[in-house]
Amino acid sequence: MDVKIAIDMAKLARLNKYDTAFLLSSDTDLIPAIKEVFSFNKKVKYICTKNRRSFALSKITGDFLILKEKNIKNFLKI
């Protein structure tokens, strides 16, 4: 799945299909794909949870959001 995410991020950036990619994965194997996206002058927003945050992804993207329960509770059936 990570390979597909990486390919889609780079391909769609090259095709100018987005300005900002929203990455919901904490896999640092995606760093080369993020760098490729940046080469097309696109942005990547890294979205994670507190207990699964990758500091490497936070650092390279420079733009991240730590999801909290209050952010998503309207989408959960509790």
Protein backbone atom coordinates (compact mmCIF):
# COMPACT_ATOMS: atom_id res chain seq x y z
CA MET A 1 0.00 0.00 0.00
CA ASP A 2 2.85 2.41 0.78
CA VAL A 3 4.18 2.03 -2.76
CA LYS A 4 0.77 2.92 -4.19
CA ILE A 5 0.51 5.96 -1.91
CA ALA A 6 3.99 7.10 -2.98
CA ILE A 7 3.26 6.62 -6.68
CA ASP A 8 -0.08 8.42 -6.45
CA MET A 9 1.41 11.33 -4.50
CA ALA A 10 4.19 11.86 -7.05
CA LYS A 11 2.10 11.19 -10.15
CA LEU A 12 -0.76 13.47 -9.15
CA ALA A 13 1.66 16.22 -8.12
CA ARG A 14 3.34 15.98 -11.53
CA LEU A 15 -0.07 16.18 -13.22
CA ASN A 16 -0.90 19.25 -11.11
CA LYS A 17 -3.99 17.57 -9.64
CA TYR A 18 -3.59 19.09 -6.17
CA ASP A 19 -1.84 21.82 -4.23
CA THR A 20 -1.65 20.02 -0.89
CA ALA A 21 -1.52 16.28 -0.25
CA PHE A 22 -2.95 15.05 3.05
CA LEU A 23 -0.89 12.14 4.33
CA LEU A 24 -2.50 9.86 6.90
CA SER A 25 0.36 7.44 7.35
CA SER A 26 3.28 7.45 9.76
CA ASP A 27 5.53 5.35 7.56
CA THR A 28 8.87 7.07 7.04
CA ASP A 29 9.35 5.04 3.84
CA LEU A 30 7.21 7.76 2.26
CA ILE A 31 9.87 10.47 2.76
CA PRO A 32 11.26 10.08 -0.80
CA ALA A 33 7.73 10.50 -2.18
CA ILE A 34 7.26 13.63 -0.07
CA LYS A 35 10.52 15.05 -1.44
CA GLU A 36 9.29 14.29 -4.96
CA VAL A 37 6.02 16.10 -4.25
CA PHE A 38 8.01 19.11 -3.02
CA SER A 39 9.95 19.12 -6.30
CA PHE A 40 6.65 20.02 -8.01
CA ASN A 41 6.12 22.91 -5.58
CA LYS A 42 3.31 21.10 -3.80
CA LYS A 43 2.70 20.82 -0.05
CA VAL A 44 2.16 17.82 2.19
CA LYS A 45 0.14 18.00 5.40
CA TYR A 46 0.93 15.09 7.69
CA ILE A 47 -2.02 13.96 9.83
CA CYS A 48 -1.41 11.63 12.77
CA THR A 49 -2.47 10.68 16.26
CA LYS A 50 -0.51 11.53 19.37
CA ASN A 51 0.63 7.96 19.98
CA ARG A 52 1.56 7.26 16.33
CA ARG A 53 3.36 10.50 15.41
CA SER A 54 6.51 10.26 13.33
CA PHE A 55 8.86 13.09 14.22
CA ALA A 56 10.70 12.54 10.92
CA LEU A 57 7.50 13.10 8.93
CA SER A 58 6.57 16.06 11.12
CA LYS A 59 9.95 17.60 10.45
CA ILE A 60 10.12 17.01 6.70
CA THR A 61 6.56 18.18 5.98
CA GLY A 62 6.75 21.11 8.37
CA ASP A 63 2.96 20.98 8.45
CA PHE A 64 1.20 18.44 10.61
CA LEU A 65 -1.98 17.95 12.57
CA ILE A 66 -2.33 15.69 15.58
CA LEU A 67 -5.87 14.35 15.57
CA LYS A 68 -7.65 14.34 18.87
CA GLU A 69 -10.89 12.64 19.79
CA LYS A 70 -12.71 15.98 19.74
CA ASN A 71 -11.66 16.40 16.08
CA ILE A 72 -13.30 13.18 14.97
CA LYS A 73 -15.99 12.29 17.53
CA ASN A 74 -18.77 13.48 15.20
CA PHE A 75 -17.64 10.78 12.76
CA LEU A 76 -17.52 7.98 15.34
CA LYS A 77 -20.41 5.90 16.56
CA ILE A 78 -19.73 5.70 20.28
